[in-house]
Amino acid sequence: MKKLLVLLAVLLIFTGFTGCNKKEKEFTDGTIVLKLTEDFEEQEDEDYDYVLQSGDVLVLCSHADKKFLEENSVSDITLDEFTRFFSEGETLLLDRKFNGYNVFSYEAAVNNTEYYYLIGVYETNDGYWLVNFVCDKGDTKKYEAKFLDWAGKVTFK
C-alpha cells in the first residue's frame, strides 16, 4: 500500500510538470510562420499585417516591404541598421544578435498601462519583418524566456 501511494504521488508530480504544457502550433499568414502554443488565435488589426493573441499576450507582425523602405529612405541598409532604425529612442532592456535575426526589448505605456515588448527583427528577400511579442510589464519574468524562444522559431516561406 505504501509503495502504491509513493507511485501515485510520483505520477501526480510528473503529470503536474507535463500535463499542463500546451502543444505547439504553427500560425501563418502565407509568408510568415510562427510556432506558438495552440491557445493563440488570429485577430484583425489594420495597423499590423498579422496579429495573434492568447490571454494576456499579443503578437503583432509588421512587414516593411521594399516600398516602405524606399518611402523611408532606408532601402539599402543592413539588418543591424534596420534594427537600430526601429529601436532608436527606446531605453533597451535587451539587445541581442542571433544568426539571421536580431531582438531588442523595452517597456512602454499605452493608455496608462505599462507593457513589455520584445521585438524580433528579420530580413527577408523582400524587406524586413518586425514581430512584437507583448505582455503586461508585471508579466515580464513570466514571458521573456518564452518570447525569446518564440522569436527563434519564426520562419518565412
N, C-alpha and C. Protein backbone atom coordinates (compact mmCIF):
# COMPACT_ATOMS: atom_id res chain seq x y z
N MET A 1 0.81 -1.19 0.00
CA MET A 1 0.00 0.00 0.00
C MET A 1 0.86 1.26 0.00
N LYS A 2 1.94 1.24 0.79
CA LYS A 2 2.83 2.39 0.88
C LYS A 2 3.51 2.63 -0.48
N LYS A 3 3.91 1.54 -1.15
CA LYS A 3 4.54 1.66 -2.47
C LYS A 3 3.56 2.24 -3.47
N LEU A 4 2.31 1.85 -3.38
CA LEU A 4 1.28 2.35 -4.28
C LEU A 4 1.09 3.85 -4.08
N LEU A 5 1.07 4.32 -2.84
CA LEU A 5 0.92 5.74 -2.56
C LEU A 5 2.11 6.54 -3.08
N VAL A 6 3.30 5.99 -2.91
CA VAL A 6 4.51 6.67 -3.42
C VAL A 6 4.44 6.75 -4.94
N LEU A 7 4.03 5.66 -5.59
CA LEU A 7 3.91 5.64 -7.05
C LEU A 7 2.88 6.66 -7.52
N LEU A 8 1.73 6.72 -6.85
CA LEU A 8 0.71 7.70 -7.21
C LEU A 8 1.21 9.13 -7.02
N ALA A 9 1.94 9.37 -5.95
CA ALA A 9 2.49 10.70 -5.70
C ALA A 9 3.47 11.10 -6.80
N VAL A 10 4.33 10.16 -7.20
CA VAL A 10 5.29 10.43 -8.28
C VAL A 10 4.55 10.71 -9.58
N LEU A 11 3.52 9.93 -9.88
CA LEU A 11 2.74 10.14 -11.11
C LEU A 11 2.04 11.50 -11.09
N LEU A 12 1.50 11.89 -9.95
CA LEU A 12 0.85 13.19 -9.85
C LEU A 12 1.84 14.32 -10.05
N ILE A 13 3.02 14.19 -9.48
CA ILE A 13 4.05 15.21 -9.66
C ILE A 13 4.46 15.27 -11.13
N PHE A 14 4.69 14.12 -11.74
CA PHE A 14 5.10 14.07 -13.14
C PHE A 14 4.00 14.66 -14.03
N THR A 15 2.75 14.33 -13.76
CA THR A 15 1.64 14.86 -14.53
C THR A 15 1.55 16.36 -14.38
N GLY A 16 1.84 16.85 -13.20
CA GLY A 16 1.82 18.29 -12.97
C GLY A 16 2.83 19.03 -13.82
N PHE A 17 3.97 18.40 -14.07
CA PHE A 17 5.00 19.05 -14.88
C PHE A 17 4.75 18.89 -16.37
N THR A 18 4.10 17.83 -16.77
CA THR A 18 3.93 17.60 -18.19
C THR A 18 2.50 17.80 -18.66
N GLY A 19 1.53 17.59 -17.81
CA GLY A 19 0.15 17.64 -18.22
C GLY A 19 -0.35 19.03 -18.57
N CYS A 20 0.26 20.07 -18.06
CA CYS A 20 -0.21 21.43 -18.30
C CYS A 20 0.50 22.10 -19.47
N ASN A 21 1.47 21.42 -20.06
CA ASN A 21 2.16 22.01 -21.19
C ASN A 21 1.23 22.09 -22.39
N LYS A 22 1.21 23.25 -23.00
CA LYS A 22 0.37 23.45 -24.18
C LYS A 22 1.14 23.00 -25.40
N LYS A 23 0.43 22.40 -26.33
CA LYS A 23 1.06 21.93 -27.55
C LYS A 23 1.43 23.10 -28.43
N GLU A 24 2.47 22.89 -29.22
CA GLU A 24 2.93 23.91 -30.15
C GLU A 24 2.13 23.80 -31.45
N LYS A 25 1.88 24.96 -32.06
CA LYS A 25 1.12 25.01 -33.30
C LYS A 25 1.74 26.06 -34.21
N GLU A 26 1.70 25.81 -35.52
CA GLU A 26 2.19 26.80 -36.48
C GLU A 26 1.05 27.71 -36.91
N PHE A 27 1.35 29.00 -36.94
CA PHE A 27 0.41 30.01 -37.43
C PHE A 27 1.08 30.71 -38.60
N THR A 28 0.32 30.99 -39.66
CA THR A 28 0.91 31.66 -40.82
C THR A 28 -0.11 32.56 -41.50
N ASP A 29 0.41 33.61 -42.10
CA ASP A 29 -0.43 34.46 -42.93
C ASP A 29 -0.12 34.20 -44.40
N GLY A 30 0.68 33.21 -44.67
CA GLY A 30 1.09 32.89 -46.03
C GLY A 30 2.55 33.19 -46.28
N THR A 31 3.13 34.10 -45.53
CA THR A 31 4.54 34.46 -45.68
C THR A 31 5.32 34.15 -44.41
N ILE A 32 4.83 34.65 -43.29
CA ILE A 32 5.50 34.46 -42.02
C ILE A 32 4.89 33.25 -41.31
N VAL A 33 5.74 32.47 -40.65
CA VAL A 33 5.29 31.29 -39.90
C VAL A 33 5.79 31.45 -38.47
N LEU A 34 4.85 31.39 -37.51
CA LEU A 34 5.19 31.49 -36.10
C LEU A 34 4.81 30.19 -35.41
N LYS A 35 5.72 29.68 -34.58
CA LYS A 35 5.44 28.49 -33.78
C LYS A 35 5.18 28.95 -32.35
N LEU A 36 3.91 28.88 -31.97
CA LEU A 36 3.47 29.33 -30.65
C LEU A 36 2.67 28.22 -30.00
N THR A 37 2.11 28.48 -28.84
CA THR A 37 1.25 27.48 -28.22
C THR A 37 -0.11 27.50 -28.89
N GLU A 38 -0.80 26.38 -28.81
CA GLU A 38 -2.05 26.18 -29.54
C GLU A 38 -3.18 27.11 -29.10
N ASP A 39 -3.03 27.78 -27.97
CA ASP A 39 -4.11 28.62 -27.47
C ASP A 39 -4.15 30.02 -28.10
N PHE A 40 -3.25 30.32 -29.02
CA PHE A 40 -3.28 31.60 -29.73
C PHE A 40 -4.40 31.59 -30.77
N GLU A 41 -4.94 32.77 -31.01
CA GLU A 41 -5.97 32.94 -32.03
C GLU A 41 -5.63 34.15 -32.89
N GLU A 42 -5.95 34.07 -34.16
CA GLU A 42 -5.72 35.18 -35.06
C GLU A 42 -6.69 36.31 -34.76
N GLN A 43 -6.21 37.54 -34.87
CA GLN A 43 -7.01 38.74 -34.66
C GLN A 43 -6.82 39.66 -35.86
N GLU A 44 -7.70 40.60 -36.01
CA GLU A 44 -7.58 41.61 -37.06
C GLU A 44 -7.15 42.94 -36.46
N ASP A 45 -6.23 43.63 -37.12
CA ASP A 45 -5.81 44.96 -36.72
C ASP A 45 -5.24 45.64 -37.95
N GLU A 46 -5.83 46.75 -38.34
CA GLU A 46 -5.42 47.42 -39.57
C GLU A 46 -4.00 47.98 -39.51
N ASP A 47 -3.44 48.10 -38.31
CA ASP A 47 -2.08 48.64 -38.17
C ASP A 47 -0.99 47.59 -38.33
N TYR A 48 -1.38 46.31 -38.38
CA TYR A 48 -0.39 45.22 -38.46
C TYR A 48 -0.78 44.24 -39.55
N ASP A 49 0.24 43.57 -40.09
CA ASP A 49 0.00 42.59 -41.16
C ASP A 49 -0.55 41.28 -40.63
N TYR A 50 -0.20 40.93 -39.40
CA TYR A 50 -0.66 39.67 -38.83
C TYR A 50 -0.65 39.80 -37.32
N VAL A 51 -1.75 39.40 -36.66
CA VAL A 51 -1.88 39.55 -35.22
C VAL A 51 -2.40 38.25 -34.61
N LEU A 52 -1.77 37.87 -33.50
CA LEU A 52 -2.19 36.70 -32.74
C LEU A 52 -2.33 37.10 -31.28
N GLN A 53 -3.30 36.47 -30.59
CA GLN A 53 -3.48 36.78 -29.17
C GLN A 53 -3.80 35.50 -28.41
N SER A 54 -3.25 35.44 -27.21
CA SER A 54 -3.55 34.35 -26.29
C SER A 54 -3.59 34.93 -24.89
N GLY A 55 -4.78 35.00 -24.33
CA GLY A 55 -4.90 35.52 -22.97
C GLY A 55 -4.28 36.89 -22.84
N ASP A 56 -3.17 36.97 -22.11
CA ASP A 56 -2.54 38.25 -21.85
C ASP A 56 -1.29 38.51 -22.69
N VAL A 57 -1.16 37.81 -23.84
CA VAL A 57 -0.03 38.01 -24.74
C VAL A 57 -0.53 38.37 -26.13
N LEU A 58 0.11 39.37 -26.73
CA LEU A 58 -0.15 39.75 -28.11
C LEU A 58 1.09 39.52 -28.94
N VAL A 59 0.90 39.11 -30.19
CA VAL A 59 1.99 39.01 -31.15
C VAL A 59 1.57 39.86 -32.35
N LEU A 60 2.32 40.92 -32.60
CA LEU A 60 2.00 41.88 -33.64
C LEU A 60 3.09 41.84 -34.70
N CYS A 61 2.72 41.50 -35.92
CA CYS A 61 3.70 41.34 -37.01
C CYS A 61 3.53 42.43 -38.05
N SER A 62 4.64 43.07 -38.41
CA SER A 62 4.65 44.12 -39.42
C SER A 62 5.68 43.79 -40.48
N HIS A 63 5.30 43.98 -41.73
CA HIS A 63 6.20 43.73 -42.84
C HIS A 63 6.62 45.07 -43.44
N ALA A 64 7.90 45.33 -43.42
CA ALA A 64 8.45 46.52 -44.07
C ALA A 64 8.97 46.08 -45.43
N ASP A 65 8.10 46.21 -46.45
CA ASP A 65 8.48 45.76 -47.79
C ASP A 65 9.34 46.81 -48.47
N LYS A 66 9.74 46.53 -49.70
CA LYS A 66 10.64 47.44 -50.41
C LYS A 66 10.03 48.83 -50.58
N LYS A 67 8.72 48.91 -50.80
CA LYS A 67 8.05 50.21 -50.94
C LYS A 67 8.20 51.01 -49.65
N PHE A 68 7.95 50.38 -48.49
CA PHE A 68 8.12 51.06 -47.20
C PHE A 68 9.56 51.53 -47.03
N LEU A 69 10.51 50.67 -47.37
CA LEU A 69 11.93 51.02 -47.21
C LEU A 69 12.29 52.22 -48.07
N GLU A 70 11.81 52.24 -49.31
CA GLU A 70 12.09 53.36 -50.21
C GLU A 70 11.44 54.64 -49.71
N GLU A 71 10.18 54.56 -49.26
CA GLU A 71 9.47 55.75 -48.76
C GLU A 71 10.14 56.35 -47.53
N ASN A 72 10.84 55.52 -46.75
CA ASN A 72 11.51 55.99 -45.54
C ASN A 72 13.01 56.15 -45.72
N SER A 73 13.46 56.12 -46.96
CA SER A 73 14.87 56.31 -47.32
C SER A 73 15.79 55.35 -46.57
N VAL A 74 15.34 54.11 -46.43
CA VAL A 74 16.17 53.10 -45.77
C VAL A 74 16.22 51.83 -46.61
N SER A 75 16.22 52.00 -47.93
CA SER A 75 16.14 50.85 -48.82
C SER A 75 17.44 50.07 -48.94
N ASP A 76 18.54 50.68 -48.60
CA ASP A 76 19.84 50.00 -48.77
C ASP A 76 20.56 49.92 -47.42
N ILE A 77 19.92 49.23 -46.44
CA ILE A 77 20.53 49.13 -45.13
C ILE A 77 20.62 47.66 -44.71
N THR A 78 21.44 47.40 -43.73
CA THR A 78 21.62 46.05 -43.22
C THR A 78 20.59 45.74 -42.14
N LEU A 79 20.54 44.49 -41.73
CA LEU A 79 19.64 44.08 -40.65
C LEU A 79 19.93 44.87 -39.37
N ASP A 80 21.21 45.03 -39.05
CA ASP A 80 21.58 45.78 -37.85
C ASP A 80 21.14 47.25 -37.94
N GLU A 81 21.31 47.84 -39.11
CA GLU A 81 20.89 49.23 -39.29
C GLU A 81 19.37 49.36 -39.22
N PHE A 82 18.65 48.42 -39.79
CA PHE A 82 17.19 48.43 -39.73
C PHE A 82 16.73 48.27 -38.28
N THR A 83 17.38 47.40 -37.54
CA THR A 83 17.04 47.20 -36.13
C THR A 83 17.24 48.50 -35.36
N ARG A 84 18.36 49.17 -35.58
CA ARG A 84 18.63 50.46 -34.91
C ARG A 84 17.60 51.51 -35.30
N PHE A 85 17.15 51.48 -36.57
CA PHE A 85 16.14 52.42 -37.07
C PHE A 85 14.87 52.34 -36.22
N PHE A 86 14.47 51.13 -35.82
CA PHE A 86 13.25 50.96 -35.04
C PHE A 86 13.46 50.99 -33.53
N SER A 87 14.67 50.74 -33.08
CA SER A 87 14.90 50.74 -31.63
C SER A 87 15.42 52.09 -31.13
N GLU A 88 15.76 52.97 -32.05
CA GLU A 88 16.30 54.27 -31.67
C GLU A 88 15.31 55.05 -30.81
N GLY A 89 15.81 55.63 -29.75
CA GLY A 89 14.97 56.42 -28.86
C GLY A 89 14.37 55.62 -27.72
N GLU A 90 14.48 54.31 -27.76
CA GLU A 90 13.96 53.46 -26.69
C GLU A 90 15.09 53.15 -25.70
N THR A 91 14.75 53.00 -24.45
CA THR A 91 15.70 52.52 -23.45
C THR A 91 15.63 51.00 -23.50
N LEU A 92 16.63 50.40 -24.11
CA LEU A 92 16.59 48.96 -24.35
C LEU A 92 16.93 48.17 -23.10
N LEU A 93 16.13 47.16 -22.85
CA LEU A 93 16.38 46.23 -21.75
C LEU A 93 17.19 45.05 -22.24
N LEU A 94 17.05 44.75 -23.51
CA LEU A 94 17.69 43.59 -24.12
C LEU A 94 18.03 43.98 -25.55
N ASP A 95 19.21 43.62 -26.01
CA ASP A 95 19.63 43.91 -27.38
C ASP A 95 20.58 42.79 -27.80
N ARG A 96 20.08 41.86 -28.61
CA ARG A 96 20.89 40.70 -28.98
C ARG A 96 20.83 40.44 -30.47
N LYS A 97 21.91 39.86 -30.96
CA LYS A 97 22.01 39.47 -32.36
C LYS A 97 22.14 37.95 -32.41
N PHE A 98 21.34 37.35 -33.26
CA PHE A 98 21.40 35.91 -33.46
C PHE A 98 21.71 35.66 -34.92
N ASN A 99 21.89 34.42 -35.28
CA ASN A 99 22.18 34.08 -36.66
C ASN A 99 20.92 34.30 -37.51
N GLY A 100 20.88 35.41 -38.22
CA GLY A 100 19.78 35.68 -39.14
C GLY A 100 18.70 36.60 -38.62
N TYR A 101 18.74 36.97 -37.35
CA TYR A 101 17.75 37.91 -36.82
C TYR A 101 18.30 38.60 -35.58
N ASN A 102 17.65 39.70 -35.21
CA ASN A 102 18.01 40.46 -34.02
C ASN A 102 16.80 40.55 -33.11
N VAL A 103 17.01 40.78 -31.83
CA VAL A 103 15.92 41.07 -30.90
C VAL A 103 16.32 42.25 -30.02
N PHE A 104 15.33 43.01 -29.65
CA PHE A 104 15.52 44.05 -28.64
C PHE A 104 14.23 44.13 -27.83
N SER A 105 14.33 44.67 -26.63
CA SER A 105 13.14 44.80 -25.80
C SER A 105 13.16 46.13 -25.05
N TYR A 106 11.97 46.56 -24.70
CA TYR A 106 11.80 47.79 -23.95
C TYR A 106 10.43 47.77 -23.27
N GLU A 107 10.19 48.76 -22.43
CA GLU A 107 8.89 48.92 -21.78
C GLU A 107 8.30 50.24 -22.24
N ALA A 108 6.97 50.27 -22.37
CA ALA A 108 6.29 51.49 -22.78
C ALA A 108 4.87 51.49 -22.24
N ALA A 109 4.34 52.69 -22.02
CA ALA A 109 2.96 52.84 -21.54
C ALA A 109 2.03 53.10 -22.71
N VAL A 110 0.89 52.42 -22.70
CA VAL A 110 -0.17 52.65 -23.67
C VAL A 110 -1.47 52.78 -22.87
N ASN A 111 -2.13 53.91 -23.02
CA ASN A 111 -3.37 54.17 -22.26
C ASN A 111 -3.18 53.93 -20.76
N ASN A 112 -2.10 54.46 -20.22
CA ASN A 112 -1.78 54.37 -18.79
C ASN A 112 -1.50 52.96 -18.29
N THR A 113 -1.22 52.03 -19.18
CA THR A 113 -0.83 50.68 -18.79
C THR A 113 0.58 50.42 -19.30
N GLU A 114 1.44 49.89 -18.42
CA GLU A 114 2.82 49.60 -18.79
C GLU A 114 2.92 48.21 -19.43
N TYR A 115 3.59 48.15 -20.57
CA TYR A 115 3.77 46.89 -21.29
C TYR A 115 5.25 46.59 -21.52
N TYR A 116 5.55 45.32 -21.68
CA TYR A 116 6.88 44.85 -22.04
C TYR A 116 6.82 44.38 -23.48
N TYR A 117 7.76 44.84 -24.30
CA TYR A 117 7.84 44.49 -25.71
C TYR A 117 9.17 43.80 -25.99
N LEU A 118 9.12 42.65 -26.62
CA LEU A 118 10.32 42.02 -27.17
C LEU A 118 10.07 41.93 -28.66
N ILE A 119 10.97 42.53 -29.44
CA ILE A 119 10.77 42.61 -30.89
C ILE A 119 11.85 41.80 -31.59
N GLY A 120 11.40 40.89 -32.44
CA GLY A 120 12.30 40.16 -33.32
C GLY A 120 12.33 40.87 -34.66
N VAL A 121 13.52 41.06 -35.22
CA VAL A 121 13.68 41.75 -36.50
C VAL A 121 14.32 40.75 -37.47
N TYR A 122 13.66 40.55 -38.61
CA TYR A 122 14.07 39.51 -39.56
C TYR A 122 14.21 40.10 -40.95
N GLU A 123 15.27 39.73 -41.63
CA GLU A 123 15.48 40.15 -43.01
C GLU A 123 14.98 39.05 -43.94
N THR A 124 14.18 39.45 -44.93
CA THR A 124 13.70 38.51 -45.95
C THR A 124 14.09 39.04 -47.32
N ASN A 125 13.80 38.27 -48.35
CA ASN A 125 14.20 38.71 -49.69
C ASN A 125 13.41 39.92 -50.18
N ASP A 126 12.30 40.26 -49.55
CA ASP A 126 11.50 41.41 -49.97
C ASP A 126 11.41 42.50 -48.91
N GLY A 127 12.33 42.51 -47.95
CA GLY A 127 12.33 43.55 -46.93
C GLY A 127 12.64 43.01 -45.56
N TYR A 128 11.92 43.50 -44.56
CA TYR A 128 12.13 43.11 -43.17
C TYR A 128 10.79 42.86 -42.50
N TRP A 129 10.83 42.04 -41.47
CA TRP A 129 9.66 41.80 -40.63
C TRP A 129 10.01 42.18 -39.20
N LEU A 130 9.06 42.81 -38.52
CA LEU A 130 9.15 43.09 -37.09
C LEU A 130 8.06 42.27 -36.42
N VAL A 131 8.45 41.45 -35.45
CA VAL A 131 7.49 40.65 -34.70
C VAL A 131 7.56 41.11 -33.25
N ASN A 132 6.48 41.74 -32.79
CA ASN A 132 6.38 42.28 -31.43
C ASN A 132 5.68 41.27 -30.54
N PHE A 133 6.36 40.80 -29.53
CA PHE A 133 5.77 39.94 -28.50
C PHE A 133 5.49 40.87 -27.32
N VAL A 134 4.24 40.97 -26.89
CA VAL A 134 3.84 41.99 -25.93
C VAL A 134 3.08 41.36 -24.75
N CYS A 135 3.42 41.81 -23.54
CA CYS A 135 2.69 41.42 -22.34
C CYS A 135 2.69 42.58 -21.36
N ASP A 136 1.87 42.46 -20.34
CA ASP A 136 1.85 43.44 -19.26
C ASP A 136 3.23 43.47 -18.61
N LYS A 137 3.71 44.64 -18.25
CA LYS A 137 5.04 44.79 -17.64
C LYS A 137 5.21 43.86 -16.43
N GLY A 138 4.15 43.67 -15.65
CA GLY A 138 4.22 42.80 -14.48
C GLY A 138 4.43 41.33 -14.82
N ASP A 139 4.21 40.96 -16.08
CA ASP A 139 4.40 39.57 -16.51
C ASP A 139 5.71 39.33 -17.25
N THR A 140 6.60 40.31 -17.21
CA THR A 140 7.86 40.22 -17.96
C THR A 140 8.63 38.94 -17.62
N LYS A 141 8.83 38.66 -16.35
CA LYS A 141 9.60 37.47 -15.96
C LYS A 141 8.91 36.19 -16.43
N LYS A 142 7.61 36.19 -16.43
CA LYS A 142 6.84 35.02 -16.85
C LYS A 142 7.02 34.74 -18.35
N TYR A 143 7.15 35.80 -19.16
CA TYR A 143 7.13 35.62 -20.61
C TYR A 143 8.44 35.87 -21.35
N GLU A 144 9.40 36.54 -20.76
CA GLU A 144 10.60 36.92 -21.52
C GLU A 144 11.29 35.71 -22.16
N ALA A 145 11.50 34.64 -21.42
CA ALA A 145 12.16 33.46 -21.99
C ALA A 145 11.30 32.83 -23.09
N LYS A 146 9.98 32.82 -22.90
CA LYS A 146 9.09 32.29 -23.94
C LYS A 146 9.16 33.15 -25.19
N PHE A 147 9.17 34.46 -25.00
CA PHE A 147 9.26 35.36 -26.15
C PHE A 147 10.55 35.11 -26.94
N LEU A 148 11.65 34.96 -26.23
CA LEU A 148 12.93 34.68 -26.90
C LEU A 148 12.87 33.35 -27.66
N ASP A 149 12.26 32.35 -27.04
CA ASP A 149 12.10 31.05 -27.69
C ASP A 149 11.25 31.18 -28.94
N TRP A 150 10.11 31.84 -28.81
CA TRP A 150 9.22 32.00 -29.97
C TRP A 150 9.88 32.82 -31.07
N ALA A 151 10.64 33.85 -30.71
CA ALA A 151 11.35 34.67 -31.71
C ALA A 151 12.33 33.83 -32.51
N GLY A 152 12.94 32.84 -31.87
CA GLY A 152 13.89 31.97 -32.56
C GLY A 152 13.25 30.96 -33.47
N LYS A 153 11.92 30.81 -33.40
CA LYS A 153 11.21 29.85 -34.23
C LYS A 153 10.44 30.48 -35.39
N VAL A 154 10.60 31.79 -35.60
CA VAL A 154 9.93 32.46 -36.69
C VAL A 154 10.64 32.10 -37.99
N THR A 155 9.85 31.69 -38.99
CA THR A 155 10.40 31.37 -40.30
C THR A 155 9.55 32.05 -41.39
N PHE A 156 10.03 31.97 -42.62
CA PHE A 156 9.35 32.61 -43.74
C PHE A 156 9.29 31.66 -44.93
N LYS A 157 8.19 31.77 -45.67
CA LYS A 157 8.00 30.93 -46.88
C LYS A 157 8.47 31.69 -48.09
